[in-house]
Amino acid sequence: MRLLVTAGPTREFFDSVRFISNPSSGKMGYAIAAQAARRGWKVDLISGPVELPPPKGVKVTRVVTAQEMFDAAAALFPRCLAAVMTAAVCDYRPATRLDHKLKKSHRARSLRLVPTPDIAARLGTSKGRRIVIGFAMEDHDEHRHAEAKLHRKRCDAIVLNGPANVGGNRATVEIFRTETGWNAPVVGSKIRIAKLVVDLVQLLVARNGESVSTRLHSL
């Protein structure tokens, strides 16, 4: 059984040294990858720039930009039974990137942003009977936006994640599935939450029954 996990932030550069990004630590994705490996999964972890050691028994592909993460996920997902998308991928990148450091001046500058590729949507639309679990970082109208993300990206479940969880060792999450609705909030260490997410992966994979069993023998 093989699982794909994405983790950490991406960086989108506008010159040779400066970039836009976010404070994602990658702790949740790394914890999920480690927990899955302990249960016997073969795990491909695609990681943005983080300060974490690779989990034991996990194959790590290191990337920087959203495009690099998209390319890696598209290449690895076809051989996986499921994917858990915890990465905090930048939604936009600068339209152009200078090949040198932009010098400071006393005049204002504008920065044109363009959308980055949607990794979860790409996997969701190509999954067939495989499983895709998304994460939604929301700070207002949380349930509505998370449910919309699940349907738009064709995920099997969505984990609602809040800004207060970023960087810490503990988190509060809620999980939504179309057939069961929202669960009660789960509060605990990211290791505890990782166990719950891997439980969910295994439940959803097992639910697919014979088609999954057949695919297992081909991996």
N, C-alpha and C. Protein backbone atom coordinates (compact mmCIF):
# COMPACT_ATOMS: atom_id res chain seq x y z
N MET A 1 0.85 -1.19 0.00
CA MET A 1 0.00 0.00 0.00
C MET A 1 0.89 1.24 0.00
N ARG A 2 0.54 2.19 -0.85
CA ARG A 2 1.37 3.40 -0.95
C ARG A 2 0.50 4.64 -0.76
N LEU A 3 1.01 5.57 0.04
CA LEU A 3 0.31 6.80 0.38
C LEU A 3 1.15 8.00 -0.02
N LEU A 4 0.51 8.99 -0.61
CA LEU A 4 1.16 10.26 -0.93
C LEU A 4 0.74 11.30 0.10
N VAL A 5 1.71 12.03 0.65
CA VAL A 5 1.44 13.11 1.59
C VAL A 5 2.18 14.35 1.12
N THR A 6 1.50 15.50 1.12
CA THR A 6 2.19 16.76 0.87
C THR A 6 2.24 17.55 2.17
N ALA A 7 3.32 18.31 2.37
CA ALA A 7 3.50 19.00 3.65
C ALA A 7 4.31 20.28 3.46
N GLY A 8 4.12 21.20 4.41
CA GLY A 8 4.93 22.42 4.44
C GLY A 8 4.44 23.49 3.48
N PRO A 9 5.15 24.60 3.44
CA PRO A 9 4.77 25.72 2.57
C PRO A 9 5.41 25.60 1.20
N THR A 10 5.02 26.47 0.30
CA THR A 10 5.81 26.70 -0.91
C THR A 10 6.33 28.14 -0.87
N ARG A 11 7.33 28.39 -1.68
CA ARG A 11 7.90 29.73 -1.82
C ARG A 11 7.80 30.15 -3.27
N GLU A 12 7.31 31.36 -3.49
CA GLU A 12 7.12 31.87 -4.85
C GLU A 12 7.93 33.15 -4.99
N PHE A 13 8.99 33.09 -5.78
CA PHE A 13 10.01 34.14 -5.84
C PHE A 13 9.63 35.25 -6.81
N PHE A 14 9.97 36.49 -6.42
CA PHE A 14 9.83 37.60 -7.37
C PHE A 14 11.17 38.17 -7.80
N ASP A 15 12.26 37.80 -7.10
CA ASP A 15 13.59 38.09 -7.61
C ASP A 15 14.49 36.92 -7.21
N SER A 16 15.79 37.10 -7.25
CA SER A 16 16.68 35.96 -7.03
C SER A 16 16.74 35.52 -5.57
N VAL A 17 16.30 36.34 -4.63
CA VAL A 17 16.41 35.99 -3.21
C VAL A 17 15.12 36.19 -2.41
N ARG A 18 14.16 36.95 -2.91
CA ARG A 18 12.95 37.27 -2.15
C ARG A 18 11.75 36.48 -2.68
N PHE A 19 10.85 36.16 -1.75
CA PHE A 19 9.71 35.34 -2.12
C PHE A 19 8.52 35.66 -1.23
N ILE A 20 7.32 35.21 -1.66
CA ILE A 20 6.14 35.21 -0.81
C ILE A 20 5.91 33.78 -0.36
N SER A 21 5.43 33.62 0.87
CA SER A 21 5.24 32.29 1.42
C SER A 21 4.25 32.36 2.57
N ASN A 22 4.31 31.40 3.48
CA ASN A 22 3.45 31.36 4.66
C ASN A 22 4.19 30.62 5.76
N PRO A 23 3.70 30.68 7.00
CA PRO A 23 4.46 30.11 8.13
C PRO A 23 4.24 28.63 8.40
N SER A 24 3.71 27.87 7.44
CA SER A 24 3.50 26.45 7.68
C SER A 24 4.79 25.76 8.12
N SER A 25 4.70 24.94 9.17
CA SER A 25 5.87 24.22 9.70
C SER A 25 6.04 22.83 9.10
N GLY A 26 4.97 22.29 8.51
CA GLY A 26 5.02 20.93 7.98
C GLY A 26 4.79 19.84 9.02
N LYS A 27 4.58 20.22 10.29
CA LYS A 27 4.50 19.22 11.36
C LYS A 27 3.34 18.24 11.17
N MET A 28 2.20 18.73 10.72
CA MET A 28 1.06 17.83 10.54
C MET A 28 1.33 16.80 9.46
N GLY A 29 1.80 17.25 8.32
CA GLY A 29 2.07 16.31 7.23
C GLY A 29 3.15 15.30 7.58
N TYR A 30 4.20 15.76 8.26
CA TYR A 30 5.27 14.85 8.66
C TYR A 30 4.75 13.82 9.67
N ALA A 31 3.88 14.26 10.59
CA ALA A 31 3.31 13.33 11.57
C ALA A 31 2.45 12.28 10.89
N ILE A 32 1.66 12.70 9.89
CA ILE A 32 0.82 11.75 9.15
C ILE A 32 1.70 10.76 8.38
N ALA A 33 2.74 11.25 7.73
CA ALA A 33 3.63 10.36 6.99
C ALA A 33 4.29 9.35 7.93
N ALA A 34 4.74 9.81 9.08
CA ALA A 34 5.40 8.91 10.04
C ALA A 34 4.44 7.86 10.56
N GLN A 35 3.21 8.28 10.88
CA GLN A 35 2.22 7.34 11.41
C GLN A 35 1.86 6.28 10.36
N ALA A 36 1.69 6.70 9.11
CA ALA A 36 1.35 5.75 8.06
C ALA A 36 2.49 4.74 7.86
N ALA A 37 3.72 5.22 7.89
CA ALA A 37 4.87 4.32 7.73
C ALA A 37 4.92 3.29 8.85
N ARG A 38 4.59 3.71 10.07
CA ARG A 38 4.58 2.77 11.19
C ARG A 38 3.55 1.67 11.00
N ARG A 39 2.49 1.97 10.25
CA ARG A 39 1.44 0.98 10.03
C ARG A 39 1.67 0.14 8.78
N GLY A 40 2.82 0.31 8.17
CA GLY A 40 3.17 -0.54 7.05
C GLY A 40 2.93 0.04 5.68
N TRP A 41 2.48 1.29 5.60
CA TRP A 41 2.33 1.94 4.31
C TRP A 41 3.69 2.33 3.74
N LYS A 42 3.83 2.25 2.43
CA LYS A 42 4.93 2.90 1.74
C LYS A 42 4.50 4.35 1.52
N VAL A 43 5.31 5.29 1.97
CA VAL A 43 4.89 6.68 1.98
C VAL A 43 5.82 7.54 1.13
N ASP A 44 5.21 8.28 0.21
CA ASP A 44 5.92 9.33 -0.54
C ASP A 44 5.51 10.66 0.07
N LEU A 45 6.46 11.36 0.67
CA LEU A 45 6.21 12.66 1.28
C LEU A 45 6.83 13.74 0.40
N ILE A 46 5.98 14.63 -0.11
CA ILE A 46 6.47 15.78 -0.88
C ILE A 46 6.49 16.97 0.06
N SER A 47 7.68 17.49 0.31
CA SER A 47 7.83 18.51 1.35
C SER A 47 8.35 19.82 0.78
N GLY A 48 7.65 20.91 1.15
CA GLY A 48 8.19 22.23 0.93
C GLY A 48 9.30 22.51 1.94
N PRO A 49 9.87 23.71 1.93
CA PRO A 49 11.00 24.03 2.81
C PRO A 49 10.58 24.08 4.29
N VAL A 50 11.03 23.11 5.06
CA VAL A 50 10.74 23.06 6.50
C VAL A 50 11.99 22.66 7.26
N GLU A 51 11.96 22.86 8.57
CA GLU A 51 13.09 22.52 9.43
C GLU A 51 12.79 21.24 10.20
N LEU A 52 12.48 20.17 9.50
CA LEU A 52 12.14 18.91 10.14
C LEU A 52 12.97 17.78 9.53
N PRO A 53 13.39 16.81 10.36
CA PRO A 53 14.10 15.66 9.81
C PRO A 53 13.13 14.75 9.08
N PRO A 54 13.59 14.00 8.10
CA PRO A 54 12.68 13.10 7.39
C PRO A 54 12.18 12.00 8.31
N PRO A 55 10.90 11.66 8.26
CA PRO A 55 10.38 10.55 9.10
C PRO A 55 11.02 9.23 8.70
N LYS A 56 11.20 8.38 9.68
CA LYS A 56 11.81 7.07 9.44
C LYS A 56 10.96 6.25 8.49
N GLY A 57 11.62 5.69 7.48
CA GLY A 57 10.94 4.80 6.55
C GLY A 57 10.12 5.49 5.49
N VAL A 58 10.26 6.82 5.37
CA VAL A 58 9.47 7.60 4.42
C VAL A 58 10.38 8.15 3.32
N LYS A 59 9.95 8.03 2.08
CA LYS A 59 10.68 8.62 0.97
C LYS A 59 10.27 10.08 0.81
N VAL A 60 11.23 11.00 0.91
CA VAL A 60 10.93 12.43 0.88
C VAL A 60 11.40 13.02 -0.45
N THR A 61 10.51 13.73 -1.10
CA THR A 61 10.84 14.54 -2.28
C THR A 61 10.75 15.99 -1.87
N ARG A 62 11.85 16.70 -1.94
CA ARG A 62 11.88 18.10 -1.49
C ARG A 62 11.65 19.04 -2.67
N VAL A 63 10.75 19.99 -2.46
CA VAL A 63 10.42 20.97 -3.49
C VAL A 63 10.41 22.35 -2.85
N VAL A 64 10.32 23.37 -3.68
CA VAL A 64 10.26 24.74 -3.18
C VAL A 64 8.98 25.43 -3.64
N THR A 65 8.72 25.41 -4.92
CA THR A 65 7.59 26.16 -5.47
C THR A 65 6.34 25.29 -5.63
N ALA A 66 5.21 25.95 -5.83
CA ALA A 66 3.95 25.24 -6.07
C ALA A 66 4.03 24.40 -7.35
N GLN A 67 4.67 24.93 -8.37
CA GLN A 67 4.78 24.18 -9.62
C GLN A 67 5.60 22.91 -9.42
N GLU A 68 6.67 23.00 -8.63
CA GLU A 68 7.48 21.81 -8.36
C GLU A 68 6.67 20.78 -7.56
N MET A 69 5.87 21.24 -6.60
CA MET A 69 5.04 20.31 -5.83
C MET A 69 3.97 19.69 -6.72
N PHE A 70 3.39 20.47 -7.60
CA PHE A 70 2.40 19.96 -8.55
C PHE A 70 3.00 18.87 -9.42
N ASP A 71 4.17 19.14 -9.97
CA ASP A 71 4.82 18.17 -10.87
C ASP A 71 5.15 16.88 -10.13
N ALA A 72 5.65 17.00 -8.90
CA ALA A 72 5.99 15.82 -8.12
C ALA A 72 4.75 15.01 -7.77
N ALA A 73 3.67 15.70 -7.36
CA ALA A 73 2.43 15.00 -7.00
C ALA A 73 1.83 14.29 -8.21
N ALA A 74 1.83 14.97 -9.35
CA ALA A 74 1.28 14.36 -10.56
C ALA A 74 2.06 13.12 -10.98
N ALA A 75 3.38 13.13 -10.73
CA ALA A 75 4.21 11.99 -11.09
C ALA A 75 4.04 10.81 -10.12
N LEU A 76 3.85 11.11 -8.83
CA LEU A 76 3.82 10.06 -7.82
C LEU A 76 2.44 9.47 -7.57
N PHE A 77 1.39 10.26 -7.75
CA PHE A 77 0.05 9.80 -7.38
C PHE A 77 -0.42 8.57 -8.14
N PRO A 78 -0.09 8.41 -9.42
CA PRO A 78 -0.60 7.23 -10.13
C PRO A 78 -0.27 5.90 -9.48
N ARG A 79 0.78 5.82 -8.68
CA ARG A 79 1.14 4.55 -8.05
C ARG A 79 0.65 4.46 -6.60
N CYS A 80 -0.12 5.43 -6.16
CA CYS A 80 -0.60 5.47 -4.78
C CYS A 80 -2.09 5.10 -4.69
N LEU A 81 -2.48 4.59 -3.52
CA LEU A 81 -3.89 4.31 -3.25
C LEU A 81 -4.61 5.52 -2.70
N ALA A 82 -3.86 6.43 -2.08
CA ALA A 82 -4.50 7.57 -1.44
C ALA A 82 -3.50 8.71 -1.33
N ALA A 83 -4.05 9.92 -1.11
CA ALA A 83 -3.22 11.11 -0.91
C ALA A 83 -3.83 11.95 0.20
N VAL A 84 -2.96 12.51 1.04
CA VAL A 84 -3.38 13.44 2.09
C VAL A 84 -2.65 14.76 1.83
N MET A 85 -3.43 15.81 1.58
CA MET A 85 -2.88 17.07 1.08
C MET A 85 -2.81 18.10 2.22
N THR A 86 -1.77 18.03 3.03
CA THR A 86 -1.64 18.97 4.15
C THR A 86 -0.85 20.23 3.80
N ALA A 87 -0.17 20.23 2.66
CA ALA A 87 0.71 21.35 2.32
C ALA A 87 -0.04 22.67 2.23
N ALA A 88 0.61 23.73 2.70
CA ALA A 88 0.06 25.08 2.58
C ALA A 88 0.63 25.71 1.32
N VAL A 89 0.07 25.33 0.20
CA VAL A 89 0.57 25.78 -1.10
C VAL A 89 0.13 27.22 -1.36
N CYS A 90 1.05 28.06 -1.77
CA CYS A 90 0.69 29.44 -2.10
C CYS A 90 -0.31 29.43 -3.27
N ASP A 91 -1.38 30.18 -3.12
CA ASP A 91 -2.40 30.23 -4.16
C ASP A 91 -1.97 31.09 -5.35
N TYR A 92 -1.01 31.98 -5.11
CA TYR A 92 -0.54 32.89 -6.17
C TYR A 92 0.98 32.95 -6.18
N ARG A 93 1.52 33.27 -7.34
CA ARG A 93 2.95 33.51 -7.50
C ARG A 93 3.15 34.79 -8.29
N PRO A 94 4.29 35.44 -8.13
CA PRO A 94 4.57 36.61 -8.97
C PRO A 94 4.56 36.24 -10.44
N ALA A 95 4.00 37.11 -11.25
CA ALA A 95 3.90 36.83 -12.69
C ALA A 95 5.27 36.73 -13.34
N THR A 96 6.22 37.47 -12.83
CA THR A 96 7.59 37.42 -13.35
C THR A 96 8.57 37.28 -12.21
N ARG A 97 9.71 36.68 -12.49
CA ARG A 97 10.78 36.52 -11.50
C ARG A 97 12.07 37.09 -12.08
N LEU A 98 12.61 38.09 -11.40
CA LEU A 98 13.87 38.66 -11.84
C LEU A 98 15.02 37.70 -11.59
N ASP A 99 16.03 37.73 -12.45
CA ASP A 99 17.19 36.85 -12.25
C ASP A 99 18.27 37.51 -11.40
N HIS A 100 17.92 38.64 -10.76
CA HIS A 100 18.86 39.34 -9.89
C HIS A 100 18.07 39.96 -8.73
N LYS A 101 18.79 40.40 -7.72
CA LYS A 101 18.13 41.01 -6.57
C LYS A 101 17.61 42.39 -6.94
N LEU A 102 16.36 42.63 -6.61
CA LEU A 102 15.75 43.93 -6.89
C LEU A 102 16.28 44.96 -5.90
N LYS A 103 16.90 46.01 -6.42
CA LYS A 103 17.48 47.04 -5.56
C LYS A 103 16.41 47.95 -4.97
N LYS A 104 16.65 48.37 -3.73
CA LYS A 104 15.71 49.26 -3.06
C LYS A 104 15.74 50.64 -3.70
N SER A 105 14.56 51.25 -3.80
CA SER A 105 14.46 52.62 -4.29
C SER A 105 13.43 53.34 -3.43
N HIS A 106 13.24 54.62 -3.69
CA HIS A 106 12.30 55.41 -2.88
C HIS A 106 10.92 55.52 -3.52
N ARG A 107 10.67 54.73 -4.55
CA ARG A 107 9.36 54.77 -5.18
C ARG A 107 8.62 53.46 -4.94
N ALA A 108 7.31 53.55 -4.95
CA ALA A 108 6.49 52.36 -4.73
C ALA A 108 6.59 51.42 -5.94
N ARG A 109 6.41 50.15 -5.66
CA ARG A 109 6.42 49.15 -6.73
C ARG A 109 5.17 48.28 -6.59
N SER A 110 4.65 47.81 -7.68
CA SER A 110 3.51 46.90 -7.65
C SER A 110 3.97 45.52 -8.07
N LEU A 111 3.25 44.51 -7.60
CA LEU A 111 3.59 43.13 -7.88
C LEU A 111 2.36 42.43 -8.44
N ARG A 112 2.44 41.96 -9.66
CA ARG A 112 1.31 41.26 -10.29
C ARG A 112 1.40 39.77 -9.93
N LEU A 113 0.29 39.24 -9.43
CA LEU A 113 0.24 37.84 -9.03
C LEU A 113 -0.65 37.04 -9.97
N VAL A 114 -0.27 35.80 -10.21
CA VAL A 114 -1.07 34.90 -11.04
C VAL A 114 -1.28 33.60 -10.26
N PRO A 115 -2.37 32.87 -10.54
CA PRO A 115 -2.65 31.65 -9.77
C PRO A 115 -1.59 30.57 -9.98
N THR A 116 -1.35 29.81 -8.92
CA THR A 116 -0.50 28.63 -9.02
C THR A 116 -1.37 27.42 -9.39
N PRO A 117 -0.78 26.34 -9.85
CA PRO A 117 -1.59 25.16 -10.20
C PRO A 117 -2.25 24.56 -8.96
N ASP A 118 -3.44 24.03 -9.13
CA ASP A 118 -4.22 23.47 -8.02
C ASP A 118 -3.91 21.98 -7.91
N ILE A 119 -3.10 21.63 -6.94
CA ILE A 119 -2.61 20.26 -6.80
C ILE A 119 -3.74 19.31 -6.38
N ALA A 120 -4.48 19.68 -5.34
CA ALA A 120 -5.56 18.81 -4.85
C ALA A 120 -6.61 18.58 -5.92
N ALA A 121 -6.95 19.63 -6.67
CA ALA A 121 -7.94 19.48 -7.74
C ALA A 121 -7.45 18.55 -8.83
N ARG A 122 -6.17 18.63 -9.15
CA ARG A 122 -5.60 17.74 -10.18
C ARG A 122 -5.72 16.28 -9.73
N LEU A 123 -5.37 16.01 -8.47
CA LEU A 123 -5.45 14.63 -8.00
C LEU A 123 -6.91 14.20 -7.86
N GLY A 124 -7.76 15.11 -7.38
CA GLY A 124 -9.16 14.76 -7.19
C GLY A 124 -9.87 14.40 -8.49
N THR A 125 -9.56 15.11 -9.56
CA THR A 125 -10.23 14.86 -10.83
C THR A 125 -9.66 13.65 -11.56
N SER A 126 -8.50 13.16 -11.13
CA SER A 126 -7.88 12.02 -11.81
C SER A 126 -7.83 10.77 -10.94
N LYS A 127 -8.47 10.80 -9.77
CA LYS A 127 -8.26 9.74 -8.78
C LYS A 127 -8.95 8.44 -9.12
N GLY A 128 -10.04 8.46 -9.89
CA GLY A 128 -10.81 7.24 -10.06
C GLY A 128 -11.38 6.81 -8.72
N ARG A 129 -11.05 5.57 -8.28
CA ARG A 129 -11.53 5.07 -7.00
C ARG A 129 -10.50 5.23 -5.88
N ARG A 130 -9.44 5.94 -6.16
CA ARG A 130 -8.47 6.23 -5.10
C ARG A 130 -9.02 7.31 -4.17
N ILE A 131 -8.33 7.54 -3.06
CA ILE A 131 -8.80 8.43 -2.01
C ILE A 131 -7.94 9.70 -1.97
N VAL A 132 -8.61 10.84 -1.86
CA VAL A 132 -7.91 12.12 -1.66
C VAL A 132 -8.54 12.83 -0.46
N ILE A 133 -7.71 13.14 0.51
CA ILE A 133 -8.15 13.89 1.69
C ILE A 133 -7.46 15.25 1.65
N GLY A 134 -8.25 16.32 1.69
CA GLY A 134 -7.72 17.67 1.64
C GLY A 134 -7.70 18.31 3.02
N PHE A 135 -6.91 19.36 3.14
CA PHE A 135 -6.90 20.20 4.34
C PHE A 135 -7.33 21.61 3.91
N ALA A 136 -8.14 22.24 4.74
CA ALA A 136 -8.63 23.59 4.44
C ALA A 136 -8.22 24.52 5.57
N MET A 137 -7.38 25.50 5.27
CA MET A 137 -7.01 26.53 6.24
C MET A 137 -7.98 27.70 6.07
N GLU A 138 -8.87 27.88 7.02
CA GLU A 138 -9.91 28.90 6.90
C GLU A 138 -9.94 29.77 8.14
N ASP A 139 -10.25 31.08 7.95
CA ASP A 139 -10.35 31.98 9.11
C ASP A 139 -11.69 32.70 9.19
N HIS A 140 -12.63 32.39 8.26
CA HIS A 140 -14.00 32.90 8.36
C HIS A 140 -14.91 32.03 7.50
N ASP A 141 -16.19 31.95 7.88
CA ASP A 141 -17.15 31.07 7.20
C ASP A 141 -16.51 29.70 6.96
N GLU A 142 -15.91 29.18 8.02
CA GLU A 142 -15.04 28.01 7.89
C GLU A 142 -15.73 26.79 7.28
N HIS A 143 -16.89 26.43 7.80
CA HIS A 143 -17.56 25.23 7.30
C HIS A 143 -17.98 25.38 5.84
N ARG A 144 -18.53 26.51 5.51
CA ARG A 144 -18.99 26.73 4.13
C ARG A 144 -17.84 26.66 3.15
N HIS A 145 -16.74 27.32 3.48
CA HIS A 145 -15.60 27.33 2.57
C HIS A 145 -14.95 25.94 2.47
N ALA A 146 -14.87 25.24 3.59
CA ALA A 146 -14.26 23.91 3.56
C ALA A 146 -15.11 22.93 2.75
N GLU A 147 -16.44 22.99 2.92
CA GLU A 147 -17.31 22.10 2.14
C GLU A 147 -17.22 22.42 0.65
N ALA A 148 -17.15 23.70 0.33
CA ALA A 148 -17.02 24.09 -1.08
C ALA A 148 -15.71 23.56 -1.67
N LYS A 149 -14.65 23.60 -0.86
CA LYS A 149 -13.36 23.10 -1.33
C LYS A 149 -13.43 21.60 -1.59
N LEU A 150 -14.08 20.87 -0.69
CA LEU A 150 -14.21 19.42 -0.88
C LEU A 150 -14.90 19.11 -2.20
N HIS A 151 -16.01 19.79 -2.49
CA HIS A 151 -16.76 19.50 -3.71
C HIS A 151 -15.99 19.98 -4.96
N ARG A 152 -15.37 21.14 -4.86
CA ARG A 152 -14.66 21.70 -6.01
C ARG A 152 -13.46 20.84 -6.41
N LYS A 153 -12.77 20.31 -5.40
CA LYS A 153 -11.56 19.53 -5.67
C LYS A 153 -11.81 18.03 -5.70
N ARG A 154 -13.07 17.64 -5.48
CA ARG A 154 -13.49 16.23 -5.52
C ARG A 154 -12.73 15.39 -4.49
N CYS A 155 -12.59 15.93 -3.30
CA CYS A 155 -11.96 15.19 -2.21
C CYS A 155 -12.98 14.24 -1.58
N ASP A 156 -12.47 13.21 -0.92
CA ASP A 156 -13.33 12.28 -0.20
C ASP A 156 -13.60 12.76 1.23
N ALA A 157 -12.73 13.58 1.76
CA ALA A 157 -12.90 14.17 3.08
C ALA A 157 -12.06 15.44 3.12
N ILE A 158 -12.46 16.36 4.00
CA ILE A 158 -11.71 17.60 4.16
C ILE A 158 -11.48 17.82 5.65
N VAL A 159 -10.26 18.20 6.00
CA VAL A 159 -9.90 18.49 7.38
C VAL A 159 -9.82 19.99 7.54
N LEU A 160 -10.69 20.54 8.38
CA LEU A 160 -10.71 21.98 8.62
C LEU A 160 -9.64 22.34 9.64
N ASN A 161 -8.75 23.21 9.21
CA ASN A 161 -7.56 23.58 9.97
C ASN A 161 -7.61 25.10 10.17
N GLY A 162 -7.27 25.60 11.34
CA GLY A 162 -7.33 27.03 11.58
C GLY A 162 -5.96 27.66 11.74
N PRO A 163 -5.85 28.98 11.58
CA PRO A 163 -4.55 29.67 11.71
C PRO A 163 -3.87 29.45 13.05
N ALA A 164 -4.64 29.21 14.11
CA ALA A 164 -4.04 29.00 15.43
C ALA A 164 -3.23 27.71 15.48
N ASN A 165 -3.44 26.80 14.53
CA ASN A 165 -2.71 25.53 14.53
C ASN A 165 -1.32 25.65 13.94
N VAL A 166 -1.05 26.72 13.20
CA VAL A 166 0.19 26.82 12.43
C VAL A 166 1.40 26.89 13.35
N GLY A 167 2.35 25.99 13.11
CA GLY A 167 3.63 26.03 13.81
C GLY A 167 3.67 25.32 15.13
N GLY A 168 2.53 25.07 15.74
CA GLY A 168 2.50 24.46 17.06
C GLY A 168 2.53 22.94 17.01
N ASN A 169 2.60 22.33 18.19
CA ASN A 169 2.58 20.88 18.30
C ASN A 169 1.18 20.32 18.57
N ARG A 170 0.23 21.22 18.82
CA ARG A 170 -1.14 20.83 19.07
C ARG A 170 -2.05 21.53 18.06
N ALA A 171 -3.25 20.99 17.90
CA ALA A 171 -4.17 21.56 16.92
C ALA A 171 -5.60 21.21 17.28
N THR A 172 -6.51 21.98 16.70
CA THR A 172 -7.94 21.68 16.76
C THR A 172 -8.41 21.55 15.32
N VAL A 173 -9.02 20.42 14.98
CA VAL A 173 -9.50 20.20 13.62
C VAL A 173 -10.92 19.65 13.65
N GLU A 174 -11.60 19.80 12.53
CA GLU A 174 -12.88 19.16 12.28
C GLU A 174 -12.80 18.48 10.92
N ILE A 175 -13.48 17.36 10.78
CA ILE A 175 -13.42 16.60 9.53
C ILE A 175 -14.82 16.49 8.94
N PHE A 176 -14.91 16.75 7.63
CA PHE A 176 -16.19 16.69 6.92
C PHE A 176 -16.13 15.64 5.83
N ARG A 177 -17.17 14.82 5.77
CA ARG A 177 -17.42 13.91 4.66
C ARG A 177 -18.86 14.09 4.23
N THR A 178 -19.12 14.04 2.94
CA THR A 178 -20.47 14.29 2.45
C THR A 178 -21.49 13.35 3.07
N GLU A 179 -21.10 12.08 3.22
CA GLU A 179 -22.07 11.09 3.71
C GLU A 179 -22.28 11.14 5.21
N THR A 180 -21.39 11.75 5.96
CA THR A 180 -21.52 11.76 7.43
C THR A 180 -21.62 13.17 8.01
N GLY A 181 -21.31 14.20 7.23
CA GLY A 181 -21.32 15.56 7.74
C GLY A 181 -20.09 15.86 8.57
N TRP A 182 -20.21 16.85 9.44
CA TRP A 182 -19.09 17.30 10.27
C TRP A 182 -18.99 16.46 11.54
N ASN A 183 -17.76 16.11 11.90
CA ASN A 183 -17.56 15.47 13.19
C ASN A 183 -17.37 16.54 14.27
N ALA A 184 -17.39 16.14 15.51
CA ALA A 184 -17.11 17.08 16.59
C ALA A 184 -15.64 17.50 16.52
N PRO A 185 -15.31 18.72 16.96
CA PRO A 185 -13.92 19.16 16.95
C PRO A 185 -13.01 18.19 17.71
N VAL A 186 -11.84 17.95 17.16
CA VAL A 186 -10.84 17.11 17.80
C VAL A 186 -9.69 18.01 18.24
N VAL A 187 -9.35 17.94 19.51
CA VAL A 187 -8.28 18.75 20.08
C VAL A 187 -7.19 17.82 20.60
N GLY A 188 -5.95 18.10 20.25
CA GLY A 188 -4.88 17.25 20.76
C GLY A 188 -3.58 17.52 20.06
N SER A 189 -2.61 16.68 20.33
CA SER A 189 -1.31 16.81 19.67
C SER A 189 -1.46 16.50 18.19
N LYS A 190 -0.54 17.01 17.40
CA LYS A 190 -0.59 16.70 15.97
C LYS A 190 -0.32 15.22 15.72
N ILE A 191 0.37 14.57 16.64
CA ILE A 191 0.56 13.11 16.52
C ILE A 191 -0.78 12.41 16.69
N ARG A 192 -1.58 12.84 17.66
CA ARG A 192 -2.90 12.24 17.85
C ARG A 192 -3.78 12.46 16.63
N ILE A 193 -3.76 13.67 16.11
CA ILE A 193 -4.58 13.97 14.94
C ILE A 193 -4.10 13.20 13.72
N ALA A 194 -2.78 13.03 13.60
CA ALA A 194 -2.23 12.23 12.51
C ALA A 194 -2.76 10.80 12.55
N LYS A 195 -2.87 10.24 13.75
CA LYS A 195 -3.41 8.88 13.89
C LYS A 195 -4.85 8.83 13.40
N LEU A 196 -5.64 9.85 13.74
CA LEU A 196 -7.04 9.88 13.29
C LEU A 196 -7.13 10.00 11.78
N VAL A 197 -6.25 10.81 11.18
CA VAL A 197 -6.28 10.97 9.73
C VAL A 197 -5.89 9.67 9.03
N VAL A 198 -4.88 8.98 9.55
CA VAL A 198 -4.50 7.70 8.95
C VAL A 198 -5.60 6.66 9.15
N ASP A 199 -6.27 6.69 10.32
CA ASP A 199 -7.44 5.83 10.51
C ASP A 199 -8.47 6.08 9.41
N LEU A 200 -8.70 7.37 9.10
CA LEU A 200 -9.68 7.73 8.08
C LEU A 200 -9.23 7.24 6.70
N VAL A 201 -7.96 7.41 6.38
CA VAL A 201 -7.44 6.91 5.10
C VAL A 201 -7.72 5.42 4.98
N GLN A 202 -7.39 4.68 6.02
CA GLN A 202 -7.56 3.22 5.96
C GLN A 202 -9.03 2.83 5.87
N LEU A 203 -9.90 3.57 6.56
CA LEU A 203 -11.34 3.31 6.47
C LEU A 203 -11.85 3.53 5.05
N LEU A 204 -11.46 4.65 4.44
CA LEU A 204 -11.95 4.97 3.10
C LEU A 204 -11.38 4.04 2.05
N VAL A 205 -10.12 3.64 2.21
CA VAL A 205 -9.53 2.69 1.28
C VAL A 205 -10.23 1.35 1.39
N ALA A 206 -10.47 0.90 2.63
CA ALA A 206 -11.13 -0.40 2.82
C ALA A 206 -12.56 -0.37 2.28
N ARG A 207 -13.20 0.78 2.35
CA ARG A 207 -14.57 0.91 1.87
C ARG A 207 -14.68 0.62 0.38
N ASN A 208 -13.60 0.82 -0.36
CA ASN A 208 -13.62 0.60 -1.80
C ASN A 208 -13.59 -0.88 -2.16
N GLY A 209 -13.35 -1.73 -1.17
CA GLY A 209 -13.52 -3.17 -1.32
C GLY A 209 -12.65 -3.81 -2.38
N GLU A 210 -13.26 -4.58 -3.23
CA GLU A 210 -12.56 -5.44 -4.16
C GLU A 210 -11.70 -4.66 -5.14
N SER A 211 -12.14 -3.48 -5.58
CA SER A 211 -11.35 -2.70 -6.54
C SER A 211 -10.03 -2.29 -5.93
N VAL A 212 -10.02 -1.97 -4.63
CA VAL A 212 -8.78 -1.61 -3.96
C VAL A 212 -7.90 -2.83 -3.78
N SER A 213 -8.52 -3.96 -3.39
CA SER A 213 -7.76 -5.19 -3.20
C SER A 213 -7.04 -5.59 -4.48
N THR A 214 -7.73 -5.46 -5.60
CA THR A 214 -7.12 -5.78 -6.88
C THR A 214 -5.95 -4.86 -7.17
N ARG A 215 -6.11 -3.59 -6.89
CA ARG A 215 -5.04 -2.61 -7.17
C ARG A 215 -3.83 -2.86 -6.26
N LEU A 216 -4.08 -3.29 -5.03
CA LEU A 216 -2.98 -3.52 -4.10
C LEU A 216 -1.96 -4.50 -4.68
N HIS A 217 -2.43 -5.52 -5.36
CA HIS A 217 -1.53 -6.54 -5.87
C HIS A 217 -0.72 -6.05 -7.07
N SER A 218 -1.11 -4.91 -7.63
CA SER A 218 -0.37 -4.39 -8.79
C SER A 218 0.66 -3.34 -8.40
N LEU A 219 0.70 -2.95 -7.13
CA LEU A 219 1.63 -1.91 -6.69
C LEU A 219 2.94 -2.50 -6.21
